[in-house]
PDB file of all heavy atoms in Angstrom:
ATOM      1  N   TYR A   1       0.828  -1.204  -0.015  1.00  0.00           N
ATOM      2  CA  TYR A   1       0.004   0.007   0.003  1.00  0.00           C
ATOM      3  C   TYR A   1       0.864   1.246  -0.002  1.00  0.00           C
ATOM      4  O   TYR A   1       1.710   1.476   0.922  1.00  0.00           O
ATOM      5  CB  TYR A   1      -0.884   0.055   1.217  1.00  0.00           C
ATOM      6  CG  TYR A   1      -1.810   1.263   1.236  1.00  0.00           C
ATOM      7  CD1 TYR A   1      -2.916   1.362   0.385  1.00  0.00           C
ATOM      8  CD2 TYR A   1      -1.465   2.414   1.987  1.00  0.00           C
ATOM      9  CE1 TYR A   1      -3.716   2.473   0.369  1.00  0.00           C
ATOM     10  CE2 TYR A   1      -2.246   3.512   1.927  1.00  0.00           C
ATOM     11  CZ  TYR A   1      -3.383   3.572   1.132  1.00  0.00           C
ATOM     12  OH  TYR A   1      -4.131   4.687   1.029  1.00  0.00           O
ATOM     13  N   HIS A   2       0.740   2.064  -1.063  1.00  0.00           N
ATOM     14  CA  HIS A   2       1.353   3.418  -1.140  1.00  0.00           C
ATOM     15  C   HIS A   2       2.885   3.368  -1.343  1.00  0.00           C
ATOM     16  O   HIS A   2       3.433   4.325  -1.832  1.00  0.00           O
ATOM     17  CB  HIS A   2       1.040   4.260   0.123  1.00  0.00           C
ATOM     18  CG  HIS A   2       1.409   5.669  -0.019  1.00  0.00           C
ATOM     19  ND1 HIS A   2       0.831   6.543  -0.917  1.00  0.00           N
ATOM     20  CD2 HIS A   2       2.374   6.418   0.622  1.00  0.00           C
ATOM     21  CE1 HIS A   2       1.390   7.758  -0.794  1.00  0.00           C
ATOM     22  NE2 HIS A   2       2.329   7.670   0.137  1.00  0.00           N
ATOM     23  N   GLN A   3       3.581   2.287  -0.979  1.00  0.00           N
ATOM     24  CA  GLN A   3       5.025   2.262  -1.056  1.00  0.00           C
ATOM     25  C   GLN A   3       5.482   0.778  -1.085  1.00  0.00           C
ATOM     26  O   GLN A   3       4.676  -0.106  -0.688  1.00  0.00           O
ATOM     27  CB  GLN A   3       5.638   2.929   0.178  1.00  0.00           C
ATOM     28  CG  GLN A   3       5.362   2.238   1.454  1.00  0.00           C
ATOM     29  CD  GLN A   3       5.906   2.962   2.684  1.00  0.00           C
ATOM     30  OE1 GLN A   3       5.765   4.189   2.777  1.00  0.00           O
ATOM     31  NE2 GLN A   3       6.489   2.189   3.568  1.00  0.00           N
ATOM     32  N   PRO A   4       6.707   0.509  -1.495  1.00  0.00           N
ATOM     33  CA  PRO A   4       7.220  -0.840  -1.322  1.00  0.00           C
ATOM     34  C   PRO A   4       7.482  -1.163   0.194  1.00  0.00           C
ATOM     35  O   PRO A   4       7.744  -0.275   0.970  1.00  0.00           O
ATOM     36  CB  PRO A   4       8.514  -0.826  -2.109  1.00  0.00           C
ATOM     37  CG  PRO A   4       8.455   0.417  -2.992  1.00  0.00           C
ATOM     38  CD  PRO A   4       7.610   1.392  -2.204  1.00  0.00           C
ATOM     39  N   PHE A   5       7.471  -2.464   0.451  1.00  0.00           N
ATOM     40  CA  PHE A   5       7.754  -2.950   1.805  1.00  0.00           C
ATOM     41  C   PHE A   5       8.721  -4.114   1.741  1.00  0.00           C
ATOM     42  O   PHE A   5       8.534  -5.022   0.894  1.00  0.00           O
ATOM     43  CB  PHE A   5       6.474  -3.456   2.523  1.00  0.00           C
ATOM     44  CG  PHE A   5       5.555  -2.312   2.957  1.00  0.00           C
ATOM     45  CD1 PHE A   5       4.585  -1.837   2.052  1.00  0.00           C
ATOM     46  CD2 PHE A   5       5.601  -1.802   4.206  1.00  0.00           C
ATOM     47  CE1 PHE A   5       3.699  -0.838   2.458  1.00  0.00           C
ATOM     48  CE2 PHE A   5       4.732  -0.778   4.621  1.00  0.00           C
ATOM     49  CZ  PHE A   5       3.785  -0.287   3.719  1.00  0.00           C
ATOM     50  N   ALA A   6       9.720  -4.136   2.618  1.00  0.00           N
ATOM     51  CA  ALA A   6      10.540  -5.340   2.835  1.00  0.00           C
ATOM     52  C   ALA A   6       9.754  -6.173   3.831  1.00  0.00           C
ATOM     53  O   ALA A   6       9.292  -5.743   4.857  1.00  0.00           O
ATOM     54  CB  ALA A   6      11.909  -4.982   3.365  1.00  0.00           C
ATOM     55  N   MET A   7       9.603  -7.479   3.479  1.00  0.00           N
ATOM     56  CA  MET A   7       8.704  -8.346   4.304  1.00  0.00           C
ATOM     57  C   MET A   7       9.439  -9.666   4.604  1.00  0.00           C
ATOM     58  O   MET A   7       9.915 -10.342   3.748  1.00  0.00           O
ATOM     59  CB  MET A   7       7.435  -8.623   3.547  1.00  0.00           C
ATOM     60  CG  MET A   7       6.470  -9.503   4.312  1.00  0.00           C
ATOM     61  SD  MET A   7       4.901  -9.820   3.378  1.00  0.00           S
ATOM     62  CE  MET A   7       5.472 -10.918   2.079  1.00  0.00           C
ATOM     63  N   ASP A   8       9.521  -9.961   5.924  1.00  0.00           N
ATOM     64  CA  ASP A   8      10.004 -11.262   6.354  1.00  0.00           C
ATOM     65  C   ASP A   8       8.852 -12.269   6.350  1.00  0.00           C
ATOM     66  O   ASP A   8       7.726 -11.950   6.705  1.00  0.00           O
ATOM     67  CB  ASP A   8      10.513 -11.191   7.792  1.00  0.00           C
ATOM     68  CG  ASP A   8      11.790 -10.376   7.935  1.00  0.00           C
ATOM     69  OD1 ASP A   8      12.507 -10.242   6.914  1.00  0.00           O
ATOM     70  OD2 ASP A   8      12.087  -9.902   9.042  1.00  0.00           O
ATOM     71  N   VAL A   9       9.149 -13.468   5.876  1.00  0.00           N
ATOM     72  CA  VAL A   9       8.169 -14.569   5.968  1.00  0.00           C
ATOM     73  C   VAL A   9       8.774 -15.592   6.921  1.00  0.00           C
ATOM     74  O   VAL A   9       9.895 -16.074   6.734  1.00  0.00           O
ATOM     75  CB  VAL A   9       7.935 -15.253   4.584  1.00  0.00           C
ATOM     76  CG1 VAL A   9       6.944 -16.369   4.685  1.00  0.00           C
ATOM     77  CG2 VAL A   9       7.487 -14.220   3.563  1.00  0.00           C
ATOM     78  N   LEU A  10       8.051 -15.865   8.028  1.00  0.00           N
ATOM     79  CA  LEU A  10       8.535 -16.795   9.048  1.00  0.00           C
ATOM     80  C   LEU A  10       7.576 -17.966   9.205  1.00  0.00           C
ATOM     81  O   LEU A  10       6.341 -17.776   9.154  1.00  0.00           O
ATOM     82  CB  LEU A  10       8.656 -16.059  10.392  1.00  0.00           C
ATOM     83  CG  LEU A  10       9.543 -14.833  10.414  1.00  0.00           C
ATOM     84  CD1 LEU A  10       8.707 -13.563  10.331  1.00  0.00           C
ATOM     85  CD2 LEU A  10      10.391 -14.805  11.703  1.00  0.00           C
ATOM     86  N   LEU A  11       8.120 -19.151   9.380  1.00  0.00           N
ATOM     87  CA  LEU A  11       7.309 -20.341   9.632  1.00  0.00           C
ATOM     88  C   LEU A  11       7.670 -20.824  11.030  1.00  0.00           C
ATOM     89  O   LEU A  11       8.829 -21.157  11.326  1.00  0.00           O
ATOM     90  CB  LEU A  11       7.609 -21.418   8.606  1.00  0.00           C
ATOM     91  CG  LEU A  11       6.877 -22.771   8.851  1.00  0.00           C
ATOM     92  CD1 LEU A  11       5.356 -22.592   8.721  1.00  0.00           C
ATOM     93  CD2 LEU A  11       7.356 -23.850   7.854  1.00  0.00           C
ATOM     94  N   ASN A  12       6.693 -20.816  11.888  1.00  0.00           N
ATOM     95  CA  ASN A  12       6.880 -21.194  13.331  1.00  0.00           C
ATOM     96  C   ASN A  12       8.115 -20.468  13.939  1.00  0.00           C
ATOM     97  O   ASN A  12       8.982 -21.068  14.522  1.00  0.00           O
ATOM     98  CB  ASN A  12       7.081 -22.731  13.411  1.00  0.00           C
ATOM     99  CG  ASN A  12       5.831 -23.476  12.971  1.00  0.00           C
ATOM    100  OD1 ASN A  12       4.704 -22.982  13.092  1.00  0.00           O
ATOM    101  ND2 ASN A  12       6.015 -24.626  12.348  1.00  0.00           N
ATOM    102  N   ASP A  13       8.129 -19.179  13.679  1.00  0.00           N
ATOM    103  CA  ASP A  13       9.130 -18.216  14.220  1.00  0.00           C
ATOM    104  C   ASP A  13      10.513 -18.412  13.617  1.00  0.00           C
ATOM    105  O   ASP A  13      11.478 -17.776  14.088  1.00  0.00           O
ATOM    106  CB  ASP A  13       9.233 -18.345  15.749  1.00  0.00           C
ATOM    107  CG  ASP A  13       7.969 -17.907  16.426  1.00  0.00           C
ATOM    108  OD1 ASP A  13       7.303 -16.945  15.974  1.00  0.00           O
ATOM    109  OD2 ASP A  13       7.595 -18.515  17.482  1.00  0.00           O
ATOM    110  N   ARG A  14      10.629 -19.160  12.509  1.00  0.00           N
ATOM    111  CA  ARG A  14      11.942 -19.275  11.850  1.00  0.00           C
ATOM    112  C   ARG A  14      11.853 -18.579  10.486  1.00  0.00           C
ATOM    113  O   ARG A  14      10.876 -18.805   9.749  1.00  0.00           O
ATOM    114  CB  ARG A  14      12.312 -20.747  11.665  1.00  0.00           C
ATOM    115  CG  ARG A  14      12.592 -21.476  12.947  1.00  0.00           C
ATOM    116  CD  ARG A  14      13.052 -22.891  12.730  1.00  0.00           C
ATOM    117  NE  ARG A  14      13.343 -23.593  13.993  1.00  0.00           N
ATOM    118  CZ  ARG A  14      13.799 -24.817  14.027  1.00  0.00           C
ATOM    119  NH1 ARG A  14      13.994 -25.508  12.927  1.00  0.00           N
ATOM    120  NH2 ARG A  14      14.045 -25.372  15.241  1.00  0.00           N
ATOM    121  N   LEU A  15      12.835 -17.774  10.179  1.00  0.00           N
ATOM    122  CA  LEU A  15      12.815 -17.009   8.937  1.00  0.00           C
ATOM    123  C   LEU A  15      12.946 -17.929   7.763  1.00  0.00           C
ATOM    124  O   LEU A  15      13.844 -18.760   7.639  1.00  0.00           O
ATOM    125  CB  LEU A  15      13.967 -15.995   8.914  1.00  0.00           C
ATOM    126  CG  LEU A  15      14.084 -15.048   7.693  1.00  0.00           C
ATOM    127  CD1 LEU A  15      12.871 -14.130   7.672  1.00  0.00           C
ATOM    128  CD2 LEU A  15      15.383 -14.292   7.743  1.00  0.00           C
ATOM    129  N   VAL A  16      12.019 -17.818   6.831  1.00  0.00           N
ATOM    130  CA  VAL A  16      11.988 -18.547   5.580  1.00  0.00           C
ATOM    131  C   VAL A  16      12.652 -17.740   4.484  1.00  0.00           C
ATOM    132  O   VAL A  16      13.544 -18.228   3.779  1.00  0.00           O
ATOM    133  CB  VAL A  16      10.590 -18.937   5.148  1.00  0.00           C
ATOM    134  CG1 VAL A  16      10.579 -19.648   3.796  1.00  0.00           C
ATOM    135  CG2 VAL A  16       9.953 -19.845   6.191  1.00  0.00           C
ATOM    136  N   THR A  17      12.240 -16.491   4.317  1.00  0.00           N
ATOM    137  CA  THR A  17      12.800 -15.639   3.290  1.00  0.00           C
ATOM    138  C   THR A  17      12.433 -14.177   3.622  1.00  0.00           C
ATOM    139  O   THR A  17      11.554 -13.911   4.447  1.00  0.00           O
ATOM    140  CB  THR A  17      12.315 -16.025   1.889  1.00  0.00           C
ATOM    141  OG1 THR A  17      13.010 -15.268   0.913  1.00  0.00           O
ATOM    142  CG2 THR A  17      10.802 -15.749   1.781  1.00  0.00           C
ATOM    143  N   THR A  18      13.127 -13.268   2.950  1.00  0.00           N
ATOM    144  CA  THR A  18      12.760 -11.861   3.016  1.00  0.00           C
ATOM    145  C   THR A  18      12.554 -11.391   1.520  1.00  0.00           C
ATOM    146  O   THR A  18      13.451 -11.607   0.716  1.00  0.00           O
ATOM    147  CB  THR A  18      13.832 -11.002   3.681  1.00  0.00           C
ATOM    148  OG1 THR A  18      13.994 -11.431   5.007  1.00  0.00           O
ATOM    149  CG2 THR A  18      13.442  -9.523   3.686  1.00  0.00           C
ATOM    150  N   VAL A  19      11.435 -10.748   1.286  1.00  0.00           N
ATOM    151  CA  VAL A  19      11.129 -10.292  -0.093  1.00  0.00           C
ATOM    152  C   VAL A  19      10.765  -8.841  -0.048  1.00  0.00           C
ATOM    153  O   VAL A  19      10.319  -8.286   0.996  1.00  0.00           O
ATOM    154  CB  VAL A  19       9.954 -11.131  -0.694  1.00  0.00           C
ATOM    155  CG1 VAL A  19      10.373 -12.591  -0.820  1.00  0.00           C
ATOM    156  CG2 VAL A  19       8.695 -10.964   0.125  1.00  0.00           C
ATOM    157  N   THR A  20      10.967  -8.197  -1.173  1.00  0.00           N
ATOM    158  CA  THR A  20      10.455  -6.805  -1.334  1.00  0.00           C
ATOM    159  C   THR A  20       9.161  -6.820  -2.069  1.00  0.00           C
ATOM    160  O   THR A  20       9.078  -7.356  -3.220  1.00  0.00           O
ATOM    161  CB  THR A  20      11.527  -5.934  -2.090  1.00  0.00           C
ATOM    162  OG1 THR A  20      12.738  -5.938  -1.321  1.00  0.00           O
ATOM    163  CG2 THR A  20      10.976  -4.543  -2.282  1.00  0.00           C
ATOM    164  N   VAL A  21       8.163  -6.315  -1.451  1.00  0.00           N
ATOM    165  CA  VAL A  21       6.809  -6.266  -2.050  1.00  0.00           C
ATOM    166  C   VAL A  21       6.546  -4.849  -2.579  1.00  0.00           C
ATOM    167  O   VAL A  21       6.506  -3.901  -1.769  1.00  0.00           O
ATOM    168  CB  VAL A  21       5.690  -6.687  -1.056  1.00  0.00           C
ATOM    169  CG1 VAL A  21       4.357  -6.619  -1.677  1.00  0.00           C
ATOM    170  CG2 VAL A  21       6.003  -8.104  -0.539  1.00  0.00           C
ATOM    171  N   GLY A  22       6.372  -4.720  -3.902  1.00  0.00           N
ATOM    172  CA  GLY A  22       6.166  -3.408  -4.486  1.00  0.00           C
ATOM    173  C   GLY A  22       4.699  -3.045  -4.629  1.00  0.00           C
ATOM    174  O   GLY A  22       3.808  -3.791  -4.168  1.00  0.00           O
ATOM    175  N   LEU A  23       4.479  -1.957  -5.339  1.00  0.00           N
ATOM    176  CA  LEU A  23       3.113  -1.559  -5.596  1.00  0.00           C
ATOM    177  C   LEU A  23       2.450  -2.462  -6.620  1.00  0.00           C
ATOM    178  O   LEU A  23       1.219  -2.611  -6.612  1.00  0.00           O
ATOM    179  CB  LEU A  23       3.050  -0.098  -6.058  1.00  0.00           C
ATOM    180  CG  LEU A  23       3.566   0.926  -5.052  1.00  0.00           C
ATOM    181  CD1 LEU A  23       3.517   2.347  -5.609  1.00  0.00           C
ATOM    182  CD2 LEU A  23       2.790   0.880  -3.710  1.00  0.00           C
ATOM    183  N   GLN A  24       3.239  -2.961  -7.545  1.00  0.00           N
ATOM    184  CA  GLN A  24       2.736  -3.906  -8.545  1.00  0.00           C
ATOM    185  C   GLN A  24       2.718  -5.317  -7.911  1.00  0.00           C
ATOM    186  O   GLN A  24       3.490  -5.622  -7.015  1.00  0.00           O
ATOM    187  CB  GLN A  24       3.588  -3.889  -9.816  1.00  0.00           C
ATOM    188  CG  GLN A  24       3.586  -2.538 -10.482  1.00  0.00           C
ATOM    189  CD  GLN A  24       2.210  -2.128 -10.928  1.00  0.00           C
ATOM    190  OE1 GLN A  24       1.417  -2.932 -11.457  1.00  0.00           O
ATOM    191  NE2 GLN A  24       1.834  -0.852 -10.650  1.00  0.00           N
ATOM    192  N   PRO A  25       1.917  -6.186  -8.441  1.00  0.00           N
ATOM    193  CA  PRO A  25       1.805  -7.575  -7.908  1.00  0.00           C
ATOM    194  C   PRO A  25       3.184  -8.264  -7.826  1.00  0.00           C
ATOM    195  O   PRO A  25       3.902  -8.293  -8.819  1.00  0.00           O
ATOM    196  CB  PRO A  25       0.856  -8.289  -8.842  1.00  0.00           C
ATOM    197  CG  PRO A  25      -0.031  -7.168  -9.378  1.00  0.00           C
ATOM    198  CD  PRO A  25       0.871  -5.973  -9.523  1.00  0.00           C
ATOM    199  N   THR A  26       3.490  -8.806  -6.672  1.00  0.00           N
ATOM    200  CA  THR A  26       4.745  -9.525  -6.445  1.00  0.00           C
ATOM    201  C   THR A  26       4.477 -10.983  -6.160  1.00  0.00           C
ATOM    202  O   THR A  26       3.717 -11.258  -5.174  1.00  0.00           O
ATOM    203  CB  THR A  26       5.468  -8.864  -5.227  1.00  0.00           C
ATOM    204  OG1 THR A  26       5.697  -7.463  -5.446  1.00  0.00           O
ATOM    205  CG2 THR A  26       6.798  -9.567  -4.978  1.00  0.00           C
ATOM    206  N   PRO A  27       5.014 -11.905  -6.937  1.00  0.00           N
ATOM    207  CA  PRO A  27       4.725 -13.302  -6.687  1.00  0.00           C
ATOM    208  C   PRO A  27       5.474 -13.852  -5.498  1.00  0.00           C
ATOM    209  O   PRO A  27       6.679 -13.439  -5.266  1.00  0.00           O
ATOM    210  CB  PRO A  27       5.207 -13.970  -7.978  1.00  0.00           C
ATOM    211  CG  PRO A  27       6.252 -13.066  -8.555  1.00  0.00           C
ATOM    212  CD  PRO A  27       5.848 -11.668  -8.168  1.00  0.00           C
TER     213      PRO A  27
END
């Protein structure tokens, strides 16, 4: 929303990956 975001994805409190989510659809 309104800007890109760096986003951590965690599974059961363990980091899986970090992705940058932009204004356009990010897979």
